[in-house]
N, C-alpha and C. Protein backbone atom coordinates (compact mmCIF):
# COMPACT_ATOMS: atom_id res chain seq x y z
N UNK A 1 109.75 97.31 23.42
CA UNK A 1 109.66 96.72 22.11
C UNK A 1 111.06 96.60 21.54
N UNK A 2 111.36 95.50 20.91
CA UNK A 2 112.67 95.24 20.33
C UNK A 2 112.83 95.96 19.01
N UNK A 3 114.06 96.39 18.69
CA UNK A 3 114.35 97.04 17.42
C UNK A 3 114.94 96.05 16.43
N UNK A 4 114.80 94.77 16.70
CA UNK A 4 115.35 93.72 15.85
C UNK A 4 114.71 93.75 14.47
N UNK A 5 115.52 93.56 13.43
CA UNK A 5 115.03 93.54 12.06
C UNK A 5 115.17 92.13 11.52
N UNK A 6 114.07 91.59 10.97
CA UNK A 6 114.09 90.27 10.37
C UNK A 6 113.75 90.43 8.90
N UNK A 7 114.62 89.93 8.02
CA UNK A 7 114.38 90.05 6.59
C UNK A 7 114.46 88.68 5.96
N UNK A 8 113.71 88.49 4.87
CA UNK A 8 113.71 87.23 4.17
C UNK A 8 113.70 87.48 2.68
N UNK A 9 114.28 86.61 1.91
CA UNK A 9 114.22 86.69 0.46
C UNK A 9 112.96 85.98 -0.02
N UNK A 10 112.57 86.22 -1.27
CA UNK A 10 111.42 85.55 -1.86
C UNK A 10 111.66 84.05 -1.81
N UNK A 11 110.70 83.26 -1.32
CA UNK A 11 110.92 81.83 -1.22
C UNK A 11 111.04 81.19 -2.61
N UNK A 12 111.91 80.19 -2.72
CA UNK A 12 112.05 79.46 -3.98
C UNK A 12 110.81 78.59 -4.19
N UNK A 13 110.61 78.17 -5.42
CA UNK A 13 109.45 77.34 -5.75
C UNK A 13 109.40 76.13 -4.82
N UNK A 14 108.24 75.87 -4.25
CA UNK A 14 108.05 74.72 -3.38
C UNK A 14 108.39 74.98 -1.93
N UNK A 15 109.03 76.10 -1.61
CA UNK A 15 109.35 76.41 -0.21
C UNK A 15 108.18 77.13 0.44
N UNK A 16 108.08 76.99 1.75
CA UNK A 16 107.03 77.68 2.50
C UNK A 16 107.41 79.15 2.64
N UNK A 17 106.42 80.03 2.76
CA UNK A 17 106.71 81.44 3.01
C UNK A 17 107.22 81.63 4.44
N UNK A 18 107.72 82.82 4.71
CA UNK A 18 108.12 83.16 6.07
C UNK A 18 106.89 82.98 6.96
N UNK A 19 107.06 82.36 8.12
CA UNK A 19 105.91 82.07 8.98
C UNK A 19 106.22 82.46 10.43
N UNK A 20 105.26 83.11 11.06
CA UNK A 20 105.26 83.23 12.51
C UNK A 20 104.25 82.19 12.94
N UNK A 21 104.74 81.09 13.49
CA UNK A 21 103.90 79.94 13.80
C UNK A 21 102.82 80.22 14.81
N UNK A 22 101.91 79.27 14.94
CA UNK A 22 100.74 79.41 15.81
C UNK A 22 101.12 79.72 17.25
N UNK A 23 102.25 79.21 17.71
CA UNK A 23 102.68 79.49 19.08
C UNK A 23 103.72 80.60 19.12
N UNK A 24 104.03 81.18 17.95
CA UNK A 24 105.04 82.23 17.87
C UNK A 24 104.51 83.58 18.32
N UNK A 25 105.43 84.39 18.83
CA UNK A 25 105.12 85.74 19.28
C UNK A 25 106.27 86.63 18.84
N UNK A 26 106.02 87.54 17.89
CA UNK A 26 107.08 88.39 17.34
C UNK A 26 106.79 89.83 17.68
N UNK A 27 107.82 90.54 18.16
CA UNK A 27 107.68 91.96 18.45
C UNK A 27 108.84 92.71 17.82
N UNK A 28 108.53 93.77 17.05
CA UNK A 28 109.57 94.56 16.39
C UNK A 28 109.18 94.85 14.96
N UNK A 29 110.20 94.97 14.10
CA UNK A 29 109.99 95.25 12.68
C UNK A 29 110.14 93.97 11.89
N UNK A 30 109.09 93.57 11.19
CA UNK A 30 109.11 92.41 10.32
C UNK A 30 109.15 92.93 8.89
N UNK A 31 110.30 92.74 8.20
CA UNK A 31 110.46 93.22 6.84
C UNK A 31 110.76 92.03 5.94
N UNK A 32 110.09 91.97 4.77
CA UNK A 32 110.30 90.83 3.89
C UNK A 32 109.96 91.18 2.45
N UNK A 33 110.33 90.29 1.54
CA UNK A 33 109.98 90.37 0.13
C UNK A 33 109.28 89.07 -0.22
N UNK A 34 108.21 89.15 -1.01
CA UNK A 34 107.52 87.92 -1.41
C UNK A 34 106.28 87.70 -0.57
N UNK A 35 106.18 86.53 0.03
CA UNK A 35 105.00 86.12 0.77
C UNK A 35 105.36 85.76 2.20
N UNK A 36 104.58 86.25 3.15
CA UNK A 36 104.75 85.86 4.56
C UNK A 36 103.39 85.52 5.13
N UNK A 37 103.35 84.50 5.97
CA UNK A 37 102.10 84.10 6.61
C UNK A 37 102.30 84.13 8.12
N UNK A 38 101.36 84.74 8.82
CA UNK A 38 101.40 84.82 10.28
C UNK A 38 100.28 83.95 10.82
N UNK A 39 100.63 83.03 11.71
CA UNK A 39 99.64 82.19 12.39
C UNK A 39 99.58 82.51 13.88
N UNK A 40 100.59 83.22 14.38
CA UNK A 40 100.68 83.56 15.80
C UNK A 40 100.38 85.02 16.05
N UNK A 41 101.22 85.65 16.88
CA UNK A 41 101.03 87.05 17.26
C UNK A 41 102.19 87.90 16.78
N UNK A 42 101.85 89.09 16.26
CA UNK A 42 102.86 90.05 15.82
C UNK A 42 102.48 91.41 16.39
N UNK A 43 103.48 92.12 16.94
CA UNK A 43 103.27 93.47 17.46
C UNK A 43 104.42 94.33 16.98
N UNK A 44 104.09 95.51 16.41
CA UNK A 44 105.15 96.42 15.98
C UNK A 44 104.87 96.99 14.62
N UNK A 45 105.72 96.63 13.64
CA UNK A 45 105.60 97.16 12.29
C UNK A 45 105.91 96.06 11.28
N UNK A 46 105.13 96.05 10.18
CA UNK A 46 105.36 95.11 9.09
C UNK A 46 105.55 95.93 7.83
N UNK A 47 106.66 95.67 7.12
CA UNK A 47 106.98 96.39 5.89
C UNK A 47 107.39 95.37 4.85
N UNK A 48 106.73 95.42 3.66
CA UNK A 48 107.04 94.38 2.68
C UNK A 48 106.79 94.82 1.25
N UNK A 49 107.61 94.28 0.37
CA UNK A 49 107.32 94.29 -1.06
C UNK A 49 106.78 92.90 -1.33
N UNK A 50 105.51 92.72 -1.03
CA UNK A 50 104.91 91.40 -1.16
C UNK A 50 103.58 91.34 -0.44
N UNK A 51 103.17 90.12 -0.12
CA UNK A 51 101.86 89.85 0.46
C UNK A 51 102.00 89.32 1.87
N UNK A 52 101.21 89.88 2.78
CA UNK A 52 101.12 89.39 4.14
C UNK A 52 99.79 88.67 4.29
N UNK A 53 99.85 87.41 4.73
CA UNK A 53 98.65 86.64 5.03
C UNK A 53 98.55 86.50 6.54
N UNK A 54 97.37 86.79 7.08
CA UNK A 54 97.12 86.69 8.52
C UNK A 54 96.15 85.54 8.72
N UNK A 55 96.64 84.45 9.32
CA UNK A 55 95.85 83.23 9.49
C UNK A 55 94.67 83.40 10.44
N UNK A 56 93.78 82.41 10.47
CA UNK A 56 92.52 82.52 11.24
C UNK A 56 92.69 82.74 12.74
N UNK A 57 93.76 82.24 13.33
CA UNK A 57 93.96 82.40 14.77
C UNK A 57 95.02 83.47 15.09
N UNK A 58 95.50 84.15 14.07
CA UNK A 58 96.56 85.15 14.25
C UNK A 58 96.01 86.47 14.76
N UNK A 59 96.86 87.19 15.50
CA UNK A 59 96.54 88.52 15.99
C UNK A 59 97.72 89.42 15.64
N UNK A 60 97.47 90.47 14.86
CA UNK A 60 98.52 91.38 14.45
C UNK A 60 98.16 92.79 14.92
N UNK A 61 98.97 93.35 15.81
CA UNK A 61 98.83 94.73 16.29
C UNK A 61 100.03 95.47 15.71
N UNK A 62 99.84 96.12 14.56
CA UNK A 62 101.00 96.71 13.89
C UNK A 62 100.61 97.77 12.89
N UNK A 63 101.61 98.59 12.55
CA UNK A 63 101.50 99.46 11.39
C UNK A 63 101.98 98.60 10.23
N UNK A 64 101.13 98.43 9.21
CA UNK A 64 101.42 97.51 8.11
C UNK A 64 101.50 98.28 6.81
N UNK A 65 102.59 98.08 6.06
CA UNK A 65 102.72 98.64 4.72
C UNK A 65 103.21 97.53 3.81
N UNK A 66 102.32 97.03 2.93
CA UNK A 66 102.60 95.89 2.07
C UNK A 66 101.97 96.12 0.70
N UNK A 67 102.28 95.23 -0.25
CA UNK A 67 101.60 95.28 -1.54
C UNK A 67 100.17 94.78 -1.38
N UNK A 68 100.01 93.64 -0.71
CA UNK A 68 98.68 93.04 -0.53
C UNK A 68 98.57 92.47 0.88
N UNK A 69 97.36 92.50 1.42
CA UNK A 69 97.08 91.98 2.75
C UNK A 69 95.86 91.07 2.66
N UNK A 70 96.00 89.84 3.17
CA UNK A 70 94.90 88.88 3.22
C UNK A 70 94.67 88.55 4.69
N UNK A 71 93.44 88.79 5.16
CA UNK A 71 93.16 88.66 6.60
C UNK A 71 92.08 87.60 6.85
N UNK A 72 92.46 86.62 7.66
CA UNK A 72 91.50 85.62 8.16
C UNK A 72 91.36 85.72 9.67
N UNK A 73 92.32 86.40 10.31
CA UNK A 73 92.33 86.58 11.77
C UNK A 73 92.02 88.02 12.12
N UNK A 74 92.79 88.58 13.07
CA UNK A 74 92.55 89.94 13.56
C UNK A 74 93.74 90.84 13.24
N UNK A 75 93.47 92.01 12.67
CA UNK A 75 94.48 93.03 12.42
C UNK A 75 94.03 94.32 13.08
N UNK A 76 94.88 94.90 13.92
CA UNK A 76 94.62 96.20 14.54
C UNK A 76 95.81 97.10 14.26
N UNK A 77 95.54 98.34 13.86
CA UNK A 77 96.61 99.29 13.57
C UNK A 77 96.33 100.01 12.26
N UNK A 78 97.35 100.65 11.71
CA UNK A 78 97.21 101.36 10.44
C UNK A 78 97.71 100.46 9.32
N UNK A 79 96.94 100.40 8.22
CA UNK A 79 97.27 99.53 7.09
C UNK A 79 97.37 100.36 5.82
N UNK A 80 98.48 100.19 5.09
CA UNK A 80 98.63 100.74 3.75
C UNK A 80 98.94 99.55 2.86
N UNK A 81 98.05 99.25 1.92
CA UNK A 81 98.25 98.16 0.97
C UNK A 81 98.25 98.77 -0.42
N UNK A 82 99.38 98.69 -1.09
CA UNK A 82 99.53 99.35 -2.39
C UNK A 82 98.67 98.74 -3.50
N UNK A 83 98.28 97.46 -3.36
CA UNK A 83 97.48 96.81 -4.40
C UNK A 83 96.08 96.43 -3.94
N UNK A 84 95.97 95.73 -2.79
CA UNK A 84 94.64 95.29 -2.35
C UNK A 84 94.66 94.80 -0.91
N UNK A 85 93.46 94.83 -0.33
CA UNK A 85 93.21 94.22 0.98
C UNK A 85 92.05 93.26 0.79
N UNK A 86 92.23 92.04 1.28
CA UNK A 86 91.16 91.03 1.23
C UNK A 86 90.87 90.57 2.64
N UNK A 87 89.61 90.71 3.06
CA UNK A 87 89.19 90.24 4.37
C UNK A 87 88.28 89.04 4.13
N UNK A 88 88.76 87.87 4.51
CA UNK A 88 88.01 86.64 4.29
C UNK A 88 87.04 86.39 5.43
N UNK A 89 86.16 85.40 5.26
CA UNK A 89 85.17 85.04 6.28
C UNK A 89 85.89 84.82 7.62
N UNK A 90 85.42 85.47 8.66
CA UNK A 90 86.02 85.36 9.99
C UNK A 90 87.14 86.35 10.22
N UNK A 91 87.61 86.99 9.16
CA UNK A 91 88.66 87.99 9.29
C UNK A 91 88.12 89.30 9.82
N UNK A 92 88.97 90.02 10.56
CA UNK A 92 88.52 91.28 11.16
C UNK A 92 89.65 92.29 11.14
N UNK A 93 89.37 93.48 10.63
CA UNK A 93 90.32 94.57 10.66
C UNK A 93 89.73 95.70 11.48
N UNK A 94 90.46 96.14 12.50
CA UNK A 94 90.11 97.32 13.27
C UNK A 94 91.26 98.28 13.08
N UNK A 95 91.12 99.15 12.06
CA UNK A 95 92.27 99.96 11.67
C UNK A 95 91.87 101.04 10.69
N UNK A 96 92.83 101.90 10.43
CA UNK A 96 92.75 102.85 9.33
C UNK A 96 93.36 102.12 8.14
N UNK A 97 92.61 102.02 7.03
CA UNK A 97 93.07 101.25 5.87
C UNK A 97 93.12 102.16 4.65
N UNK A 98 94.26 102.12 3.94
CA UNK A 98 94.40 102.84 2.67
C UNK A 98 94.79 101.82 1.61
N UNK A 99 93.98 101.70 0.56
CA UNK A 99 94.23 100.73 -0.50
C UNK A 99 93.39 101.10 -1.73
N UNK A 100 93.84 100.73 -2.93
CA UNK A 100 93.02 100.99 -4.10
C UNK A 100 91.92 99.95 -4.29
N UNK A 101 92.05 98.77 -3.65
CA UNK A 101 91.09 97.69 -3.87
C UNK A 101 90.80 96.98 -2.55
N UNK A 102 89.52 96.80 -2.23
CA UNK A 102 89.11 96.10 -1.01
C UNK A 102 88.15 94.99 -1.37
N UNK A 103 88.42 93.79 -0.85
CA UNK A 103 87.52 92.65 -1.01
C UNK A 103 87.09 92.26 0.40
N UNK A 104 85.80 92.35 0.67
CA UNK A 104 85.25 92.02 1.99
C UNK A 104 84.29 90.86 1.81
N UNK A 105 84.73 89.67 2.20
CA UNK A 105 83.92 88.46 2.04
C UNK A 105 82.81 88.42 3.08
N UNK A 106 81.79 87.64 2.79
CA UNK A 106 80.71 87.43 3.75
C UNK A 106 81.31 86.86 5.03
N UNK A 107 81.00 87.48 6.17
CA UNK A 107 81.54 87.04 7.44
C UNK A 107 82.80 87.78 7.86
N UNK A 108 83.35 88.60 6.97
CA UNK A 108 84.51 89.43 7.30
C UNK A 108 84.05 90.79 7.79
N UNK A 109 84.91 91.52 8.51
CA UNK A 109 84.50 92.84 8.99
C UNK A 109 85.66 93.83 8.97
N UNK A 110 85.28 95.09 8.82
CA UNK A 110 86.22 96.21 8.83
C UNK A 110 85.62 97.30 9.70
N UNK A 111 86.38 97.71 10.73
CA UNK A 111 85.94 98.80 11.58
C UNK A 111 87.05 99.82 11.61
N UNK A 112 86.76 101.04 11.16
CA UNK A 112 87.77 102.07 11.11
C UNK A 112 87.56 102.99 9.93
N UNK A 113 88.64 103.60 9.49
CA UNK A 113 88.59 104.54 8.37
C UNK A 113 89.16 103.86 7.13
N UNK A 114 88.46 103.98 6.02
CA UNK A 114 88.89 103.38 4.77
C UNK A 114 89.14 104.48 3.74
N UNK A 115 90.35 104.53 3.20
CA UNK A 115 90.68 105.47 2.13
C UNK A 115 91.02 104.64 0.91
N UNK A 116 90.20 104.79 -0.14
CA UNK A 116 90.44 104.04 -1.37
C UNK A 116 90.95 104.99 -2.44
N UNK A 117 92.10 104.64 -3.01
CA UNK A 117 92.70 105.47 -4.04
C UNK A 117 92.77 104.69 -5.34
N UNK A 118 92.59 105.41 -6.43
CA UNK A 118 92.74 104.82 -7.76
C UNK A 118 93.48 105.84 -8.61
N UNK A 119 94.38 105.40 -9.43
CA UNK A 119 95.24 106.29 -10.21
C UNK A 119 94.45 107.33 -10.99
N UNK A 120 93.34 106.94 -11.59
CA UNK A 120 92.60 107.88 -12.43
C UNK A 120 91.36 108.47 -11.76
N UNK A 121 90.94 107.89 -10.64
CA UNK A 121 89.68 108.30 -10.04
C UNK A 121 89.84 109.18 -8.81
N UNK A 122 91.06 109.46 -8.36
CA UNK A 122 91.23 110.28 -7.17
C UNK A 122 91.13 109.44 -5.92
N UNK A 123 90.62 110.04 -4.84
CA UNK A 123 90.57 109.38 -3.54
C UNK A 123 89.16 109.39 -3.00
N UNK A 124 88.73 108.27 -2.41
CA UNK A 124 87.44 108.17 -1.75
C UNK A 124 87.69 107.76 -0.30
N UNK A 125 87.10 108.49 0.64
CA UNK A 125 87.25 108.16 2.06
C UNK A 125 85.90 107.71 2.60
N UNK A 126 85.92 106.59 3.31
CA UNK A 126 84.70 106.03 3.88
C UNK A 126 84.94 105.80 5.36
N UNK A 127 84.01 106.23 6.20
CA UNK A 127 84.09 105.93 7.61
C UNK A 127 83.39 104.60 7.82
N UNK A 128 84.20 103.55 7.96
CA UNK A 128 83.66 102.20 8.10
C UNK A 128 83.57 101.88 9.58
N UNK A 129 82.79 102.65 10.31
CA UNK A 129 82.71 102.49 11.75
C UNK A 129 82.42 101.06 12.15
N UNK A 130 81.64 100.38 11.35
CA UNK A 130 81.36 98.98 11.63
C UNK A 130 80.82 98.33 10.38
N UNK A 131 81.65 98.23 9.36
CA UNK A 131 81.23 97.59 8.11
C UNK A 131 81.50 96.11 8.19
N UNK A 132 80.53 95.33 7.79
CA UNK A 132 80.75 93.89 7.73
C UNK A 132 79.91 93.32 6.61
N UNK A 133 80.40 92.23 6.07
CA UNK A 133 79.67 91.54 5.01
C UNK A 133 78.94 90.38 5.68
N UNK A 134 77.67 90.58 5.92
CA UNK A 134 76.91 89.56 6.66
C UNK A 134 76.26 88.57 5.79
């Protein structure tokens, strides 16, 4: 695995977010601020002050720590989202997930351990061995 570090600034108005294209394959540490969208494959670690979007055909095998995560494809690994995780229709997470807010759309699925934290409510742990919104 490569130790290469890729960083990006917040995109200016009208610019596209950082993208790993549909035919792209990234391995290593992906660090960014703002918004990034993955359409291809990522393996390694993702660290961001911002939002990671995982497109419908994307596959991400990584330890992810972001503000928000939006999943339409496949995510495997450990996920820490400081604000929210959204799994859209067709999206799939097979991971340990820690977040204060989870949105699981009809047709999305989560398999793994879910730890939900809220500033005033403490911590709730759910074993989501095979949770899906059917």
